Protein backbone atom coordinates (compact mmCIF):
# COMPACT_ATOMS: atom_id res chain seq x y z
CA MET A 1 92.11 67.50 138.74
CA ALA A 2 91.33 64.77 136.25
CA GLN A 3 92.24 63.45 132.85
CA VAL A 4 89.81 63.95 129.97
CA VAL A 5 89.25 61.14 127.48
CA LEU A 6 87.43 61.60 124.17
CA GLU A 7 86.40 58.36 122.47
CA ASN A 8 85.32 58.34 118.83
CA ILE A 9 83.52 61.68 119.00
CA TYR A 10 81.15 62.58 116.16
CA LYS A 11 79.07 65.70 115.71
CA SER A 12 76.68 66.23 112.80
CA PHE A 13 74.19 68.95 111.98
CA PRO A 14 71.23 68.68 109.58
CA SER A 15 71.90 70.41 106.28
CA VAL A 16 70.04 73.59 105.38
CA ALA A 17 68.00 71.74 102.77
CA LYS A 18 66.87 69.18 105.34
CA ALA A 19 66.15 71.83 107.98
CA GLU A 20 63.87 73.73 105.59
CA LYS A 21 61.60 70.75 104.96
CA ALA A 22 58.16 70.44 106.51
CA ILE A 23 57.77 69.54 110.19
CA VAL A 24 58.44 65.86 110.79
CA PRO A 25 55.82 63.95 112.82
CA VAL A 26 56.79 63.10 116.40
CA ALA A 27 56.61 59.38 115.68
CA ALA A 28 59.03 59.64 112.75
CA GLN A 29 62.38 57.87 112.90
CA PRO A 30 65.43 60.01 113.83
CA LEU A 31 67.47 61.43 110.98
CA ILE A 32 70.69 59.78 112.17
CA VAL A 33 70.37 56.35 113.70
CA SER A 34 74.04 55.60 114.32
CA VAL A 35 77.51 57.06 113.89
CA GLU A 36 78.11 54.96 110.77
CA GLU A 37 75.03 56.49 109.18
CA ALA A 38 76.14 60.06 109.92
CA SER A 39 76.99 61.01 106.36
CA PRO A 40 76.12 63.60 103.73
CA ASP A 41 73.92 60.96 102.07
CA LEU A 42 71.48 61.43 104.95
CA HIS A 43 71.44 65.20 104.48
CA SER A 44 73.74 65.91 107.43
CA VAL A 45 76.92 67.95 107.79
CA ASN A 46 79.73 66.20 109.65
CA VAL A 47 81.39 68.79 111.89
CA LEU A 48 83.55 66.34 113.90
CA ARG A 49 84.61 62.84 112.84
CA ARG A 50 86.51 60.15 114.77
CA ILE A 51 87.99 62.41 117.44
CA ASN A 52 90.06 60.31 119.84
CA LEU A 53 92.13 62.24 122.35
CA THR A 54 93.39 61.75 125.91
CA VAL A 55 94.34 64.80 127.97
CA ALA A 56 96.47 63.78 130.94
CA ASP A 57 95.77 64.93 134.49
CA GLY A 58 97.26 68.42 134.89
CA GLU A 59 98.18 68.76 131.22
CA PHE A 60 97.80 71.97 129.20
CA ILE A 61 96.72 70.98 125.69
CA VAL A 62 95.92 73.38 122.86
CA LEU A 63 93.41 72.72 120.08
CA VAL A 64 94.51 74.69 117.05
CA GLY A 65 93.25 74.95 113.49
CA PRO A 66 91.66 77.29 110.95
CA SER A 67 88.25 78.85 111.51
CA GLY A 68 85.47 76.32 111.02
CA CYS A 69 87.60 73.22 111.71
CA GLY A 70 85.45 72.20 114.74
CA LYS A 71 87.71 73.08 117.66
CA SER A 72 85.20 75.31 119.48
CA THR A 73 82.43 72.77 118.84
CA LEU A 74 84.59 70.07 120.44
CA LEU A 75 85.13 72.31 123.48
CA ARG A 76 81.38 72.90 123.79
CA LEU A 77 80.75 69.14 123.63
CA ILE A 78 83.13 68.61 126.55
CA ALA A 79 81.37 71.38 128.49
CA GLY A 80 77.94 69.89 127.76
CA LEU A 81 76.72 72.92 125.78
CA GLU A 82 76.22 70.81 122.64
CA GLU A 83 74.87 67.29 122.17
CA MET A 84 77.05 64.65 120.55
CA THR A 85 76.02 62.55 117.59
CA GLY A 86 78.18 59.69 118.85
CA GLY A 87 81.08 58.81 121.13
CA ASN A 88 81.96 59.07 124.82
CA ILE A 89 83.49 61.77 127.00
CA TRP A 90 85.14 60.85 130.30
CA VAL A 91 86.22 63.34 132.98
CA GLY A 92 88.30 61.35 135.41
CA ASP A 93 86.36 58.13 136.06
CA THR A 94 83.00 59.69 135.22
CA LEU A 95 81.21 59.25 131.90
CA VAL A 96 79.66 62.70 131.39
CA ASN A 97 77.69 62.11 128.16
CA ASP A 98 74.32 62.59 129.86
CA LEU A 99 75.34 64.99 132.62
CA PRO A 100 74.23 68.64 132.42
CA PRO A 101 77.00 71.28 132.27
CA LYS A 102 76.67 72.20 135.96
CA ALA A 103 77.30 68.59 137.03
CA ARG A 104 80.53 68.07 135.04
CA ASP A 105 82.83 70.03 137.41
CA ILE A 106 84.20 72.01 134.46
CA ALA A 107 84.81 75.78 134.23
CA MET A 108 84.81 77.54 130.86
CA VAL A 109 86.32 80.87 129.85
CA PHE A 110 84.63 82.34 126.77
CA GLN A 111 85.97 84.57 124.03
CA SER A 112 83.44 87.29 124.89
CA TYR A 113 84.22 87.30 128.68
CA ALA A 114 80.49 86.72 129.51
CA LEU A 115 80.57 88.83 132.69
CA TYR A 116 77.34 89.87 134.39
CA PRO A 117 77.16 93.63 133.66
CA HIS A 118 75.09 94.51 136.76
CA MET A 119 77.46 92.72 139.16
CA THR A 120 80.74 93.99 140.57
CA VAL A 121 83.98 92.15 139.93
CA TYR A 122 83.68 90.63 143.40
CA ASP A 123 80.19 89.27 142.73
CA ASN A 124 81.14 88.01 139.27
CA ILE A 125 83.95 85.94 140.78
CA ALA A 126 81.76 84.81 143.69
CA PHE A 127 78.79 83.87 141.51
CA GLY A 128 79.80 80.24 140.94
CA LEU A 129 80.70 79.79 144.62
CA ARG A 130 77.22 80.91 145.69
CA ARG A 131 75.48 78.61 143.20
CA GLY A 132 72.96 76.33 144.87
CA VAL A 133 72.33 78.59 147.83
CA GLY A 134 68.67 78.30 148.81
CA GLN A 135 68.26 74.65 147.80
CA ASN A 136 67.49 72.08 150.51
CA GLU A 137 68.09 74.56 153.33
CA ASP A 138 66.48 74.68 156.77
CA LEU A 139 64.84 77.87 158.02
CA SER A 140 67.89 79.15 159.92
CA SER A 141 70.20 78.67 156.93
CA TRP A 142 67.70 80.40 154.68
CA ALA A 143 67.52 83.34 157.09
CA GLU A 144 71.32 83.56 157.27
CA ASN A 145 71.68 83.64 153.49
CA ALA A 146 68.86 86.17 153.14
CA LEU A 147 70.58 88.44 155.67
CA CYS A 148 73.88 88.05 153.81
CA GLY A 149 72.19 89.08 150.56
CA MET A 150 70.43 92.10 152.08
CA THR A 151 73.59 93.47 153.70
CA ARG A 152 75.95 92.72 150.80
CA ARG A 153 75.88 96.33 149.57
CA PHE A 154 76.37 97.81 153.04
CA PRO A 155 79.73 99.20 154.20
CA ALA A 156 82.06 96.43 155.38
CA PRO A 157 81.51 96.93 159.16
CA LEU A 158 77.73 96.60 158.74
CA ARG A 159 77.66 93.45 156.58
CA TYR A 160 76.58 90.09 157.94
CA LEU A 161 78.71 87.15 156.76
CA SER A 162 77.61 83.58 157.38
CA ASP A 163 80.23 80.83 157.61
CA ARG A 164 79.61 79.99 153.96
CA GLU A 165 79.89 83.64 152.91
CA GLN A 166 83.13 84.01 154.87
CA GLU A 167 84.54 81.09 152.90
CA VAL A 168 83.37 82.71 149.63
CA ASP A 169 84.98 86.00 150.68
CA LYS A 170 88.26 84.27 151.44
CA ARG A 171 88.26 82.43 148.11
CA VAL A 172 87.43 85.56 146.09
CA LYS A 173 90.20 87.58 147.73
CA ASN A 174 92.74 84.79 147.22
CA VAL A 175 91.87 84.59 143.51
CA ALA A 176 91.97 88.39 143.18
CA SER A 177 95.42 88.41 144.76
CA LEU A 178 96.57 85.66 142.40
CA LEU A 179 95.39 87.67 139.38
CA GLN A 180 96.45 91.05 140.83
CA ILE A 181 92.97 92.56 140.59
CA GLU A 182 92.33 93.33 144.27
CA ALA A 183 91.82 97.03 143.47
CA LEU A 184 89.11 96.19 140.92
CA LEU A 185 86.75 94.18 143.15
CA HIS A 186 84.30 97.04 143.63
CA ARG A 187 84.06 97.95 139.93
CA LEU A 188 81.46 97.00 137.34
CA PRO A 189 82.55 95.32 134.06
CA LYS A 190 81.89 98.52 132.06
CA GLN A 191 84.60 100.23 134.14
CA LEU A 192 87.27 97.68 133.13
CA SER A 193 89.68 97.43 130.20
CA GLY A 194 89.73 94.36 127.96
CA GLY A 195 92.67 92.82 129.81
CA GLN A 196 91.04 93.40 133.18
CA LYS A 197 87.78 91.81 132.00
CA GLN A 198 89.74 88.78 130.82
CA ARG A 199 91.38 88.39 134.21
CA VAL A 200 87.99 88.60 135.93
CA ALA A 201 86.66 85.88 133.62
CA LEU A 202 89.68 83.75 134.52
CA GLY A 203 89.11 84.48 138.20
CA ARG A 204 85.52 83.33 138.02
CA ALA A 205 86.70 80.01 136.55
CA ILE A 206 89.61 79.59 138.98
CA SER A 207 87.53 80.35 142.08
CA ARG A 208 85.44 77.21 141.61
CA ASN A 209 88.54 74.98 141.66
CA PRO A 210 87.13 72.71 138.92
CA GLN A 211 88.63 69.48 137.61
CA VAL A 212 89.04 70.93 134.10
CA PHE A 213 89.45 74.39 132.57
CA LEU A 214 88.10 74.99 129.06
CA MET A 215 89.25 78.17 127.31
CA ASP A 216 87.75 79.25 123.98
CA GLU A 217 90.04 81.82 122.31
CA PRO A 218 90.15 83.99 125.45
CA LEU A 219 92.83 86.37 124.12
CA SER A 220 91.45 87.16 120.69
CA ASN A 221 89.96 90.52 121.82
CA LEU A 222 93.23 91.85 123.24
CA ASP A 223 95.94 93.91 121.53
CA ALA A 224 99.27 92.27 120.69
CA LYS A 225 101.21 93.46 123.75
CA LEU A 226 98.45 92.64 126.22
CA ARG A 227 97.88 89.28 124.53
CA ALA A 228 101.52 88.33 125.09
CA GLU A 229 101.37 89.39 128.75
CA THR A 230 98.10 87.58 129.45
CA ARG A 231 99.33 84.49 127.62
CA ALA A 232 102.31 84.24 129.94
CA GLN A 233 100.04 84.81 132.96
CA ILE A 234 97.65 82.01 131.95
CA VAL A 235 100.53 79.56 131.56
CA LYS A 236 101.98 80.57 134.93
CA LEU A 237 98.59 80.19 136.63
CA GLN A 238 98.04 76.78 135.10
CA ARG A 239 101.44 75.62 136.33
CA GLN A 240 100.64 76.86 139.86
CA LEU A 241 97.16 75.32 139.98
CA GLY A 242 97.97 72.10 138.09
CA THR A 243 94.47 71.99 136.62
CA THR A 244 93.85 70.05 133.41
CA THR A 245 93.35 72.69 130.71
CA ILE A 246 92.05 72.51 127.14
CA TYR A 247 92.69 75.74 125.27
CA VAL A 248 91.28 76.62 121.83
CA THR A 249 92.94 79.08 119.47
CA HIS A 250 93.51 79.68 115.77
CA ASP A 251 96.79 81.50 116.54
CA GLN A 252 99.62 79.04 116.08
CA THR A 253 102.02 81.32 118.01
CA GLU A 254 99.80 80.95 121.09
CA ALA A 255 99.70 77.21 120.52
CA MET A 256 103.47 76.86 120.23
CA THR A 257 104.24 78.94 123.32
CA MET A 258 101.50 77.73 125.69
CA GLY A 259 100.75 74.05 125.22
CA ASP A 260 102.41 70.98 126.67
CA ARG A 261 100.98 69.32 123.57
CA ILE A 262 99.15 70.66 120.53
CA ALA A 263 96.26 68.96 118.71
CA VAL A 264 96.03 70.25 115.14
CA MET A 265 92.55 70.02 113.62
CA ASN A 266 91.28 70.44 110.07
CA GLN A 267 87.82 69.78 108.62
CA GLY A 268 86.58 68.13 111.79
CA GLN A 269 89.44 65.67 112.20
CA LEU A 270 92.65 65.52 114.21
CA GLN A 271 95.68 65.81 111.95
CA GLN A 272 98.40 65.35 114.57
CA VAL A 273 98.83 65.51 118.35
CA ALA A 274 102.37 66.14 119.58
CA ARG A 275 104.66 68.47 121.49
CA PRO A 276 105.25 71.87 119.85
CA LEU A 277 108.77 71.26 118.54
CA GLU A 278 107.83 67.82 117.24
CA LEU A 279 105.01 69.38 115.22
CA TYR A 280 107.41 71.94 113.84
CA ASN A 281 110.25 69.57 113.01
CA ARG A 282 108.30 66.45 112.03
CA PRO A 283 104.83 67.40 110.75
CA ALA A 284 102.68 64.38 109.90
CA THR A 285 100.92 66.00 106.94
CA LYS A 286 101.35 68.85 104.48
CA PHE A 287 98.52 70.69 106.24
CA VAL A 288 100.30 70.57 109.62
CA ALA A 289 103.57 71.67 108.00
CA GLU A 290 101.84 74.65 106.41
CA PHE A 291 99.77 75.64 109.45
CA ILE A 292 102.47 75.40 112.11
CA GLY A 293 105.15 78.00 111.60
CA SER A 294 105.11 81.70 110.74
CA PRO A 295 105.79 82.34 107.93
CA PRO A 296 104.57 78.91 106.79
CA MET A 297 106.62 76.20 105.14
CA ASN A 298 107.38 76.60 101.42
CA PHE A 299 106.40 73.88 98.94
CA LEU A 300 107.84 73.00 95.54
CA ASP A 301 106.74 70.32 93.06
CA VAL A 302 109.71 68.10 92.24
CA GLU A 303 110.42 64.68 90.74
CA PHE A 304 112.42 61.96 92.44
CA GLN A 305 114.86 59.81 90.45
CA SER A 306 116.30 56.76 92.13
CA PRO A 307 118.54 56.40 93.96
CA LEU A 308 118.75 59.97 95.39
CA ARG A 309 118.18 62.62 92.73
CA ILE A 310 115.67 65.49 93.08
CA SER A 311 114.78 67.35 89.87
CA HIS A 312 112.96 70.64 89.25
CA PRO A 313 112.85 72.78 86.08
CA LEU A 314 115.17 75.32 87.77
CA PHE A 315 117.47 73.12 89.88
CA SER A 316 118.49 69.58 90.77
CA PHE A 317 120.57 68.05 93.56
CA THR A 318 121.41 64.78 95.29
CA LEU A 319 119.88 63.89 98.65
CA PRO A 320 121.77 62.45 101.64
CA GLN A 321 121.97 58.65 101.76
CA VAL A 322 119.42 58.41 104.61
CA TRP A 323 116.58 59.15 102.15
CA GLU A 324 117.24 56.21 99.80
CA LYS A 325 115.01 53.61 101.46
CA ALA A 326 112.14 55.98 102.30
CA LEU A 327 111.86 57.34 98.73
CA SER A 328 112.67 54.18 96.76
CA LYS A 329 109.03 53.50 95.75
CA TYR A 330 108.67 57.03 94.31
CA ASP A 331 111.18 56.53 91.46
CA ARG A 332 110.20 58.75 88.47
CA GLN A 333 107.21 60.05 90.40
CA PRO A 334 106.28 63.56 91.57
CA LEU A 335 106.83 64.62 95.17
CA ILE A 336 106.19 67.76 97.18
CA LEU A 337 109.35 69.20 98.67
CA GLY A 338 108.89 71.34 101.79
CA ILE A 339 111.39 73.73 103.30
CA ARG A 340 110.98 76.35 106.00
CA PRO A 341 111.99 80.01 105.38
CA GLU A 342 114.99 79.83 107.73
CA HIS A 343 116.40 76.75 106.00
CA PHE A 344 117.18 78.55 102.76
CA SER A 345 120.60 80.16 102.45
CA LEU A 346 121.79 82.75 99.94
CA GLY A 347 124.33 81.17 97.63
CA GLU A 348 126.02 81.58 94.28
CA ALA A 349 124.61 80.76 90.86
CA ALA A 350 124.72 76.97 90.52
CA PRO A 351 122.64 74.09 89.09
CA THR A 352 121.78 73.02 92.66
CA SER A 353 120.37 76.44 93.62
CA LEU A 354 116.99 78.03 92.92
CA PRO A 355 117.04 81.42 91.14
CA VAL A 356 114.41 83.83 92.50
CA GLN A 357 113.40 87.46 92.20
CA VAL A 358 112.62 89.58 95.26
CA ASP A 359 108.99 90.80 95.37
CA LEU A 360 108.83 92.17 98.92
CA VAL A 361 111.28 92.96 101.73
CA GLU A 362 110.05 92.96 105.36
CA ALA A 363 112.79 94.26 107.65
CA LEU A 364 111.74 93.60 111.26
CA GLY A 365 114.96 94.69 112.95
CA ASN A 366 116.07 91.38 114.44
CA GLU A 367 115.38 89.51 111.20
CA THR A 368 114.37 90.13 107.60
CA TYR A 369 111.76 88.22 105.59
CA LEU A 370 111.66 88.15 101.80
CA SER A 371 108.78 87.24 99.54
CA VAL A 372 110.32 85.88 96.34
CA SER A 373 109.15 84.15 93.17
CA PRO A 374 111.12 81.69 91.02
CA THR A 375 112.47 83.27 87.84
CA ASN A 376 111.00 82.20 84.47
CA SER A 377 107.89 80.85 86.24
CA THR A 378 104.67 82.78 85.68
CA ASN A 379 102.35 80.58 87.79
CA ALA A 380 104.71 79.62 90.60
CA ALA A 381 103.62 80.44 94.16
CA SER A 382 105.61 82.96 96.16
CA LEU A 383 108.21 81.64 98.60
CA GLN A 384 109.10 83.05 102.01
CA VAL A 385 112.77 83.35 102.97
CA ARG A 386 114.35 84.48 106.24
CA ILE A 387 117.76 86.13 106.02
CA PRO A 388 120.08 87.83 108.56
CA PRO A 389 119.09 91.44 109.37
CA ASP A 390 122.46 92.81 108.23
CA ARG A 391 122.07 91.40 104.71
CA GLN A 392 120.91 94.17 102.38
CA VAL A 393 118.48 93.11 99.64
CA SER A 394 116.62 95.32 97.17
CA TYR A 395 113.31 95.00 95.34
CA GLN A 396 113.47 92.85 92.15
CA GLU A 397 117.01 91.73 92.95
CA VAL A 398 117.81 88.21 91.65
CA LEU A 399 119.06 85.80 94.31
CA TRP A 400 120.16 82.15 94.31
CA LEU A 401 118.72 80.04 97.12
CA SER A 402 120.58 77.01 98.41
CA PHE A 403 118.82 74.18 100.27
CA THR A 404 119.89 72.83 103.66
CA PRO A 405 119.94 69.05 102.90
CA ASP A 406 119.13 67.80 106.42
CA LYS A 407 116.18 70.20 106.81
CA LEU A 408 114.10 69.06 103.83
CA HIS A 409 110.61 67.60 104.10
CA PHE A 410 108.81 65.43 101.54
CA PHE A 411 105.08 64.80 101.15
CA ASP A 412 103.06 62.38 99.05
CA PRO A 413 101.15 64.52 96.51
CA ASP A 414 98.11 62.20 96.60
CA THR A 415 97.62 61.74 100.35
CA GLY A 416 99.44 64.80 101.71
CA LYS A 417 101.17 62.57 104.28
CA ALA A 418 104.77 63.19 105.23
CA ILE A 419 107.51 60.81 104.10
CA TRP A 420 110.20 60.19 106.69
CA TYR A 421 113.37 58.15 106.89
CA ASP A 422 113.96 56.05 110.01
């Protein structure tokens, strides 16, 4: 087990226009000389910029963000499958920048399972344990391993197992027991379901007992029920093994339920790194507030009037005293007000409430979600509202939404950064 430290990581790719140019002579200068020069001006595309992150020993951290934000690329850099443009990666006390993937003591679980189709489940799990057999061996060891290989397909009583192969056998069976796939060891991957293949891929990673697990959207190919079950199993396994784990997903529900901490990424940069509930309750930016939470946070353009007045064409109200200092410099200026669906309440017609019309009702049994639009506003974005399941609401009904004062969020419209009181 080891901590993973990422220091000022950059990753750039040449642009299409640059890549289509004529072949550059061998003696030519490199396209990017330094991190500071890695910019669009030099015909490069910055995929990752200024990534600084420390993953503690034994921690389960989740990288989450929209497709194309760079999270999978960052995982591949840690694994050694991509070359960095700049920065340092430490695994424990070892700087691994120049180490090949096999020397980094890292195991990776891919989205596509990546099982060997001609090997049984047993051999897929054992593959990493047998790596290196045949290198630097004396004649007797070579003969032992050759005999093991020749008799591997024989019935159990007729197989020859060297000391090393006995250790491999023990490890494979322990991992199979841990993942509850003992009955599948003789099968080929084509004879397995999606969930079973995923457990085999996990078993192959676990069997090596690496310092770090890397998981790249391993549950995206599973149905909803199986995804929930496997998610819980991965978390349980990680707790038992205590192995440092970096998990990539675009599903914020997975992120919230699995990670000790979550690193939210957007456009190649870290937006915020925090525990799940801290991200939900105190997002650092408008992007984080919108991405974390399902349905996402609602946003309204308002104007602040000192000392504590919030104005909108359809409502106005006075904020609690705690906001006075934080918002004092925004007097007579626009702000973005954020509020989550569950922090609206259905009230009576009043100047402090927002009148809306119901566009869609989603009754889920344990809760009901409404998609509503402000009345008398043709271009206003739809808002999401959560109400109790026993409250009956009909299509195109007009409702009045009240705000929960201590659950409001404010964001600077220019920077997108959150504004907080102390």
